[in-house]
Protein backbone atom coordinates (compact mmCIF):
# COMPACT_ATOMS: atom_id res chain seq x y z
CA UNK A 1 99.68 76.99 83.99
CA UNK A 2 99.88 75.92 87.62
CA UNK A 3 98.43 78.12 90.30
CA UNK A 4 101.40 80.09 91.66
CA UNK A 5 100.83 81.25 95.22
CA UNK A 6 104.01 83.26 95.76
CA UNK A 7 106.28 85.57 93.83
CA UNK A 8 108.17 82.78 92.07
CA UNK A 9 105.84 82.26 89.11
CA UNK A 10 107.10 82.88 85.60
CA UNK A 11 106.23 85.98 83.65
CA UNK A 12 103.46 85.29 81.17
CA UNK A 13 104.57 85.76 77.57
CA UNK A 14 101.73 86.44 75.17
CA UNK A 15 98.01 85.79 75.41
CA UNK A 16 96.90 82.17 75.52
CA UNK A 17 93.51 80.58 75.03
CA UNK A 18 92.68 80.53 78.78
CA UNK A 19 93.50 84.24 78.85
CA UNK A 20 91.11 84.92 75.98
CA UNK A 21 88.34 83.03 77.78
CA UNK A 22 89.02 84.90 81.02
CA UNK A 23 89.16 88.33 79.34
CA UNK A 24 85.97 87.59 77.42
CA UNK A 25 84.16 86.46 80.57
CA UNK A 26 85.33 89.55 82.47
CA UNK A 27 84.17 91.79 79.63
CA UNK A 28 80.76 90.12 79.58
CA UNK A 29 80.52 90.56 83.35
CA UNK A 30 81.25 94.29 83.03
CA UNK A 31 78.70 94.64 80.24
CA UNK A 32 76.07 92.81 82.31
CA UNK A 33 76.65 95.04 85.34
CA UNK A 34 76.43 98.22 83.27
CA UNK A 35 73.37 96.96 81.39
CA UNK A 36 71.65 96.25 84.70
CA UNK A 37 72.53 99.60 86.28
CA UNK A 38 72.40 101.78 83.18
CA UNK A 39 74.00 105.18 82.66
CA UNK A 40 70.86 107.06 81.69
CA UNK A 41 69.82 110.38 83.17
CA UNK A 42 70.92 113.97 82.76
CA UNK A 43 71.88 114.62 86.37
CA UNK A 44 75.04 114.49 88.49
CA UNK A 45 75.87 111.71 90.95
CA UNK A 46 77.90 112.05 94.12
CA UNK A 47 80.31 114.98 93.60
CA UNK A 48 80.93 114.48 89.90
CA UNK A 49 79.24 117.78 89.03
CA UNK A 50 82.55 119.45 89.89
CA UNK A 51 84.54 117.34 87.44
CA UNK A 52 81.84 117.76 84.80
CA UNK A 53 82.28 121.52 85.06
CA UNK A 54 85.95 121.12 84.14
CA UNK A 55 85.01 119.10 81.05
CA UNK A 56 82.33 121.60 80.02
CA UNK A 57 84.76 124.48 80.40
CA UNK A 58 87.28 122.62 78.25
CA UNK A 59 84.66 122.02 75.56
CA UNK A 60 83.52 125.63 75.52
CA UNK A 61 86.86 127.45 75.85
CA UNK A 62 89.53 124.91 75.00
CA UNK A 63 91.14 125.53 78.40
CA UNK A 64 91.41 123.38 81.50
CA UNK A 65 89.98 124.70 84.74
CA UNK A 66 88.95 122.98 87.94
CA UNK A 67 86.53 123.81 90.73
CA UNK A 68 88.67 125.14 93.55
CA UNK A 69 87.58 122.82 96.36
CA UNK A 70 88.42 119.62 94.45
CA UNK A 71 92.13 119.90 95.25
CA UNK A 72 93.25 117.29 92.74
CA UNK A 73 94.86 117.87 89.34
CA UNK A 74 92.36 115.56 87.50
CA UNK A 75 93.89 116.45 84.12
CA UNK A 76 93.66 112.95 82.52
CA UNK A 77 90.12 112.62 83.88
CA UNK A 78 89.02 115.85 82.22
CA UNK A 79 90.74 114.94 78.95
CA UNK A 80 89.07 111.51 78.77
CA UNK A 81 85.69 113.09 79.53
CA UNK A 82 86.30 115.70 76.85
CA UNK A 83 87.25 113.02 74.30
CA UNK A 84 84.17 110.87 74.94
CA UNK A 85 81.94 113.96 74.94
CA UNK A 86 83.42 114.96 71.59
CA UNK A 87 82.52 111.55 70.16
CA UNK A 88 79.05 111.11 71.67
CA UNK A 89 77.94 114.60 72.56
CA UNK A 90 78.18 116.62 75.75
CA UNK A 91 75.94 114.99 78.35
CA UNK A 92 76.00 113.31 81.73
CA UNK A 93 75.51 110.00 80.00
CA UNK A 94 78.66 110.53 77.91
CA UNK A 95 80.64 111.35 81.03
CA UNK A 96 79.37 108.26 82.81
CA UNK A 97 80.16 106.20 79.72
CA UNK A 98 83.78 107.37 79.93
CA UNK A 99 84.00 105.99 83.47
CA UNK A 100 82.29 102.74 82.51
CA UNK A 101 84.94 102.22 79.83
CA UNK A 102 87.73 103.06 82.28
CA UNK A 103 86.25 100.64 84.81
CA UNK A 104 86.23 97.88 82.20
CA UNK A 105 89.86 98.65 81.32
CA UNK A 106 90.73 98.50 85.02
CA UNK A 107 89.18 95.06 85.44
CA UNK A 108 91.15 93.74 82.45
CA UNK A 109 94.25 95.44 83.85
CA UNK A 110 93.81 93.62 87.15
CA UNK A 111 93.81 90.30 85.30
CA UNK A 112 96.88 91.33 83.28
CA UNK A 113 98.71 92.36 86.46
CA UNK A 114 97.97 89.03 88.13
CA UNK A 115 99.29 87.17 85.10
CA UNK A 116 102.42 89.31 84.98
CA UNK A 117 103.43 88.31 88.50
CA UNK A 118 102.94 84.62 87.76
CA UNK A 119 99.38 83.81 88.85
CA UNK A 120 97.45 81.33 86.76
CA UNK A 121 94.50 82.30 84.61
CA UNK A 122 91.92 81.12 87.17
CA UNK A 123 93.33 83.04 90.17
CA UNK A 124 93.77 86.06 87.90
CA UNK A 125 90.16 85.77 86.78
CA UNK A 126 88.93 85.52 90.37
CA UNK A 127 91.00 88.54 91.44
CA UNK A 128 89.66 90.63 88.57
CA UNK A 129 86.12 89.47 89.34
CA UNK A 130 86.50 90.68 92.93
CA UNK A 131 87.33 94.13 91.55
CA UNK A 132 84.53 94.04 88.96
CA UNK A 133 81.80 93.29 91.50
CA UNK A 134 83.18 95.37 94.36
CA UNK A 135 80.33 97.73 95.32
CA UNK A 136 82.63 100.75 95.41
CA UNK A 137 84.09 99.99 92.00
CA UNK A 138 80.61 99.43 90.56
CA UNK A 139 79.18 102.54 92.19
CA UNK A 140 81.97 104.96 91.33
CA UNK A 141 82.46 103.38 87.91
CA UNK A 142 78.97 104.54 86.95
CA UNK A 143 79.53 108.16 87.96
CA UNK A 144 82.06 110.69 86.71
CA UNK A 145 84.14 110.55 89.88
CA UNK A 146 87.92 110.28 89.55
CA UNK A 147 88.52 107.21 91.72
CA UNK A 148 88.04 104.42 89.18
CA UNK A 149 89.95 106.11 86.31
CA UNK A 150 92.85 106.75 88.69
CA UNK A 151 92.83 103.10 89.78
CA UNK A 152 92.80 102.00 86.14
CA UNK A 153 95.76 104.20 85.19
CA UNK A 154 97.65 102.95 88.23
CA UNK A 155 96.92 99.30 87.45
CA UNK A 156 98.14 99.49 83.86
CA UNK A 157 101.23 101.41 84.94
CA UNK A 158 102.05 98.53 87.29
CA UNK A 159 101.40 96.00 84.52
CA UNK A 160 104.00 97.68 82.30
CA UNK A 161 106.46 98.14 85.14
CA UNK A 162 106.18 94.49 86.21
CA UNK A 163 106.68 93.33 82.64
CA UNK A 164 109.65 95.61 82.11
CA UNK A 165 111.48 95.28 85.42
CA UNK A 166 111.93 91.53 85.26
CA UNK A 167 114.08 91.67 82.12
CA UNK A 168 114.96 95.38 82.07
CA UNK A 169 112.81 95.85 78.97
CA UNK A 170 113.06 99.62 78.65
CA UNK A 171 110.14 100.04 76.25
CA UNK A 172 107.75 98.55 78.80
CA UNK A 173 109.38 100.50 81.60
CA UNK A 174 108.95 103.67 79.56
CA UNK A 175 105.24 102.97 79.14
CA UNK A 176 105.01 102.38 82.88
CA UNK A 177 106.66 105.74 83.57
CA UNK A 178 104.29 107.55 81.21
CA UNK A 179 101.22 106.08 82.90
CA UNK A 180 102.72 106.70 86.34
CA UNK A 181 103.02 110.39 85.47
CA UNK A 182 99.44 110.32 84.20
CA UNK A 183 98.43 108.94 87.60
CA UNK A 184 100.30 111.82 89.28
CA UNK A 185 98.28 114.24 87.14
CA UNK A 186 95.09 112.45 88.15
CA UNK A 187 95.37 112.26 91.95
CA UNK A 188 98.17 112.96 94.41
CA UNK A 189 98.59 109.33 95.61
CA UNK A 190 99.93 108.60 92.13
CA UNK A 191 103.26 109.94 93.44
CA UNK A 192 103.73 106.56 95.14
CA UNK A 193 104.19 104.81 91.78
CA UNK A 194 107.29 106.60 90.42
CA UNK A 195 108.73 106.74 93.94
CA UNK A 196 108.43 102.96 94.31
CA UNK A 197 109.79 102.37 90.79
CA UNK A 198 112.92 104.43 91.47
CA UNK A 199 113.55 102.57 94.73
CA UNK A 200 113.14 99.18 93.05
CA UNK A 201 115.29 100.11 90.06
CA UNK A 202 118.17 101.14 92.32
CA UNK A 203 117.76 98.30 94.84
CA UNK A 204 117.44 95.37 92.44
CA UNK A 205 119.63 96.28 89.50
CA UNK A 206 123.39 96.47 89.09
CA UNK A 207 124.87 99.89 89.68
CA UNK A 208 124.96 100.82 86.01
CA UNK A 209 125.04 104.38 84.77
CA UNK A 210 121.91 103.78 82.70
CA UNK A 211 119.90 102.68 85.74
CA UNK A 212 120.99 105.72 87.74
CA UNK A 213 120.21 107.97 84.79
CA UNK A 214 116.70 106.52 84.41
CA UNK A 215 116.10 106.89 88.16
CA UNK A 216 117.26 110.51 88.15
CA UNK A 217 115.23 111.31 85.05
CA UNK A 218 112.12 109.75 86.61
CA UNK A 219 112.52 111.84 89.76
CA UNK A 220 113.01 115.03 87.73
CA UNK A 221 110.04 114.24 85.49
CA UNK A 222 107.80 113.48 88.46
CA UNK A 223 108.68 116.76 90.18
CA UNK A 224 108.04 118.66 86.96
CA UNK A 225 104.73 116.89 86.35
CA UNK A 226 103.54 117.38 89.92
CA UNK A 227 104.54 121.00 90.40
CA UNK A 228 104.67 122.58 86.96
CA UNK A 229 102.31 120.82 84.53
CA UNK A 230 99.12 121.87 86.40
CA UNK A 231 100.45 125.44 86.42
CA UNK A 232 101.16 125.29 82.70
CA UNK A 233 97.79 123.77 81.82
CA UNK A 234 95.46 125.42 84.31
CA UNK A 235 97.16 128.62 85.49
CA UNK A 236 99.22 129.91 88.44
CA UNK A 237 96.65 129.08 91.12
CA UNK A 238 96.95 125.42 90.20
CA UNK A 239 100.64 124.88 90.87
CA UNK A 240 101.54 121.52 92.32
CA UNK A 241 102.18 123.08 95.70
CA UNK A 242 98.43 123.24 96.17
CA UNK A 243 98.12 119.55 95.35
CA UNK A 244 100.70 118.11 97.65
CA UNK A 245 103.22 118.64 100.34
CA UNK A 246 102.32 121.95 101.98
CA UNK A 247 98.59 121.33 102.27
CA UNK A 248 99.19 117.75 103.44
CA UNK A 249 101.61 118.91 106.13
CA UNK A 250 99.29 121.67 107.33
CA UNK A 251 96.26 119.39 107.57
CA UNK A 252 97.93 116.34 109.09
CA UNK A 253 101.39 116.70 110.61
CA UNK A 254 100.39 119.90 112.44
CA UNK A 255 97.04 118.51 113.49
CA UNK A 256 96.51 117.66 117.17
CA UNK A 257 94.30 114.81 115.95
CA UNK A 258 96.98 113.07 113.88
CA UNK A 259 97.09 109.86 115.93
CA UNK A 260 93.30 109.83 116.20
CA UNK A 261 92.98 110.16 112.41
CA UNK A 262 95.46 107.36 111.82
CA UNK A 263 93.71 105.05 114.29
CA UNK A 264 90.16 105.66 113.11
CA UNK A 265 91.09 105.60 109.42
CA UNK A 266 92.99 102.36 109.95
CA UNK A 267 89.95 100.74 111.54
CA UNK A 268 87.76 101.99 108.70
CA UNK A 269 90.08 100.67 105.97
CA UNK A 270 90.59 97.31 107.69
CA UNK A 271 86.83 96.91 108.19
CA UNK A 272 86.17 97.79 104.56
CA UNK A 273 88.87 95.34 103.42
CA UNK A 274 87.38 92.57 105.50
CA UNK A 275 83.78 93.17 104.43
CA UNK A 276 84.52 92.93 100.72
CA UNK A 277 87.27 90.32 100.88
CA UNK A 278 85.79 88.22 103.67
CA UNK A 279 85.21 85.41 101.20
CA UNK A 280 88.99 85.15 100.99
CA UNK A 281 89.15 84.44 104.71
CA UNK A 282 86.61 81.66 104.26
CA UNK A 283 88.84 80.21 101.54
CA UNK A 284 91.87 80.46 103.84
CA UNK A 285 90.05 78.81 106.73
CA UNK A 286 88.62 75.96 104.64
CA UNK A 287 91.46 75.51 102.15
CA UNK A 288 94.22 72.92 102.20
CA UNK A 289 96.66 75.33 103.81
CA UNK A 290 95.85 75.88 107.48
CA UNK A 291 96.25 79.41 108.83
CA UNK A 292 98.72 79.62 111.67
CA UNK A 293 96.98 79.79 115.02
CA UNK A 294 98.84 82.97 115.97
CA UNK A 295 97.21 84.77 113.03
CA UNK A 296 93.72 83.82 114.19
CA UNK A 297 94.48 84.62 117.84
CA UNK A 298 96.08 87.99 117.09
CA UNK A 299 93.20 88.88 114.75
CA UNK A 300 90.68 88.09 117.49
CA UNK A 301 92.59 90.23 119.99
CA UNK A 302 92.90 93.15 117.56
CA UNK A 303 89.21 92.88 116.66
CA UNK A 304 88.32 93.05 120.35
CA UNK A 305 90.52 96.13 120.78
CA UNK A 306 88.92 97.75 117.74
CA UNK A 307 85.41 97.13 119.06
CA UNK A 308 86.53 98.49 122.43
CA UNK A 309 87.72 101.72 120.81
CA UNK A 310 84.42 102.09 118.95
CA UNK A 311 82.43 101.57 122.17
CA UNK A 312 84.67 103.85 124.24
CA UNK A 313 84.41 106.68 121.72
CA UNK A 314 80.87 106.03 120.51
CA UNK A 315 80.06 109.74 120.96
CA UNK A 316 82.68 110.52 118.29
CA UNK A 317 82.34 107.45 116.08
CA UNK A 318 79.29 106.14 114.27
CA UNK A 319 78.84 102.95 112.33
CA UNK A 320 79.59 102.14 109.63
CA UNK A 321 83.19 103.35 109.70
CA UNK A 322 82.99 104.12 106.02
CA UNK A 323 84.48 107.62 105.92
CA UNK A 324 82.59 109.32 103.07
CA UNK A 325 82.14 106.06 101.14
CA UNK A 326 79.76 103.91 103.17
CA UNK A 327 76.97 105.36 105.25
CA UNK A 328 73.70 104.21 106.73
CA UNK A 329 71.91 105.13 103.48
CA UNK A 330 74.18 103.10 101.21
CA UNK A 331 77.22 103.99 99.14
CA UNK A 332 78.64 107.45 98.62
CA UNK A 333 77.81 110.75 100.34
CA UNK A 334 74.15 111.68 100.07
CA UNK A 335 73.46 114.74 97.97
CA UNK A 336 69.69 114.88 98.46
CA UNK A 337 67.83 117.26 100.74
CA UNK A 338 65.69 115.62 103.38
CA UNK A 339 67.95 112.58 103.63
CA UNK A 340 66.35 111.66 106.93
CA UNK A 341 63.41 110.20 105.00
CA UNK A 342 65.61 107.79 103.07
CA UNK A 343 65.56 104.10 104.08
CA UNK A 344 68.36 103.26 106.48
CA UNK A 345 70.09 100.04 107.46
CA UNK A 346 69.62 99.13 111.12
CA UNK A 347 72.45 99.56 113.62
CA UNK A 348 72.55 95.81 114.39
CA UNK A 349 73.44 95.03 110.78
CA UNK A 350 76.35 97.47 110.85
CA UNK A 351 77.64 96.02 114.11
CA UNK A 352 77.63 92.53 112.60
CA UNK A 353 79.34 93.74 109.42
CA UNK A 354 81.91 95.75 111.40
CA UNK A 355 82.88 92.81 113.61
CA UNK A 356 83.12 90.48 110.59
CA UNK A 357 84.98 93.12 108.63
CA UNK A 358 87.53 93.84 111.35
CA UNK A 359 88.26 90.17 112.01
CA UNK A 360 88.47 89.29 108.32
CA UNK A 361 90.57 92.37 107.59
CA UNK A 362 93.07 91.58 110.34
CA UNK A 363 93.32 87.95 109.15
CA UNK A 364 93.97 89.08 105.57
CA UNK A 365 96.60 91.63 106.62
CA UNK A 366 98.35 89.19 108.94
CA UNK A 367 98.35 86.44 106.30
CA UNK A 368 99.72 88.84 103.68
CA UNK A 369 102.44 90.14 105.98
CA UNK A 370 103.36 86.60 107.00
CA UNK A 371 103.59 85.47 103.38
CA UNK A 372 105.62 88.56 102.46
CA UNK A 373 108.03 87.91 105.32
CA UNK A 374 108.54 84.29 104.27
CA UNK A 375 109.30 85.43 100.70
CA UNK A 376 111.49 88.38 101.71
CA UNK A 377 114.72 86.77 100.53
CA UNK A 378 113.30 86.52 97.00
CA UNK A 379 112.34 90.16 96.57
CA UNK A 380 115.68 91.29 95.21
CA UNK A 381 115.30 88.61 92.53
CA UNK A 382 111.71 89.64 91.82
CA UNK A 383 111.61 93.41 91.32
CA UNK A 384 107.99 93.22 90.18
CA UNK A 385 106.90 91.76 93.53
CA UNK A 386 109.05 94.26 95.42
CA UNK A 387 107.37 97.08 93.49
CA UNK A 388 103.89 95.84 94.42
CA UNK A 389 104.95 95.49 98.07
CA UNK A 390 106.34 99.04 98.20
CA UNK A 391 103.29 100.75 96.71
CA UNK A 392 101.03 100.40 99.81
CA UNK A 393 103.96 101.16 102.13
CA UNK A 394 104.38 104.54 100.42
CA UNK A 395 100.72 105.09 99.59
CA UNK A 396 98.93 104.33 102.85
CA UNK A 397 100.57 106.52 105.56
CA UNK A 398 99.41 109.88 104.13
CA UNK A 399 96.00 108.39 103.33
CA UNK A 400 95.59 107.21 106.92
CA UNK A 401 96.83 110.53 108.30
CA UNK A 402 94.33 112.65 106.35
CA UNK A 403 91.51 114.14 108.38
CA UNK A 404 88.20 112.32 108.24
C-alpha cells in the first residue's frame, strides 16, 4: 500500500502479510523492553499503591473501593488488576504484569488505528514504535498507574469508531461506544470520546432517525455511566459529581490563576511533545516536502516568547516543565525520602532540551494545523479523520486549565 499522508487513504480491510510482520515486530519490541526492565519486586512504584489498595479490597471483600484522594473512577483498571491477580496470584508483580499487557495492547492498537485511517504499514509501524519507546509509556507501563491502560482503552475505542463510521457499520460503532464508556469509567478525560462521536455522527451523516437515536442513546448512556455507575459500584460518596464538572469548575474556572495555569501547562505540553517527537521535525526539515517558511519563523518567535516567560518568571517556574511527570531526578514523582541525595541532571541540559522541545513542538503543532486546514473540505467525507481531530479539541482545554 502506498504511504498516505492525508485523510484520503482507503480503509484497510483485513490483515495482510506486511501487517503481520509489523505486529510481530512491535510485539517483539514490547517483549524486549519488558525483559530488559523487568517487573520483579514486591514494592509500589510512583503512586500505584493507591490503585493496588482498590484491587486488594476487591479481592478480599468482592467490593470496589478507591482511596479518596485519587479522584478518578478507575473501575476498569481495578477489574483488570483483579483478573490478572486471580490468574497469577496477588502481588505487585501481577499488577505490573497487567499494565505491561495493556501497554502491549496499546502499541498494537496504535498500529491498527493508523491503518484504519489509511496509513501504510511502514508509517503505522513507525507511529506505533514511537509510542512503544516513549519514556513515559515505558515508565508508566511498568507500574500499576492508570495512564497507560486508559490510553489503550481510548485507542481501541477510536479504532472501532473509525472502522464503523466510514461505512456506518453499527457493530463496530457499538464496540467503540462500549470501550468509550469504559474509558469514561477509567479517567474523566474519556468523556471526550463519546462527545466527539456524537458530534461526528450528527455532522457527517444524513439526518436519519436512527442516527439521532444512536446519538441520543450515547449521550444518555454516557451521563449514566459517568454519574451513576460509580455510585452503584462503589457507594454514594463515589457519585460522578465528584469525578467531573463541579470539582473541575471549582478548581479551574473560579481560580485566579486560570490563565497562568493554561499558559504554563501549554508550554509544558508543547515542550514534552517536541522532546519526544523532535525526530519528526528532523524528518520534516530533511524530507522531500519543504516546510513553509512561515511555520519555521512563527515557531522561532513563539519559542523566544516561551523562553522569555520562563526567564521572567524563573522564581515561579523551574526546569524541566514536566508537571509531575518529568523532574530533575528522572521520570515520575519521587517517592523516596532524602531525594536530595539522588543524582540530578544539570540545569544546562534541561535548558537545551527545553529550547529544542519548544521549537520542535511549535513546528509540529503548526504543521499539523496547516495540514488539517488544507484538508478541511474533506472532513465531512471522512468522519474518522474528523473524529480524531475533535478529540484533542475537546480533551485539551480542561487538561490545560487544571492546576499544576
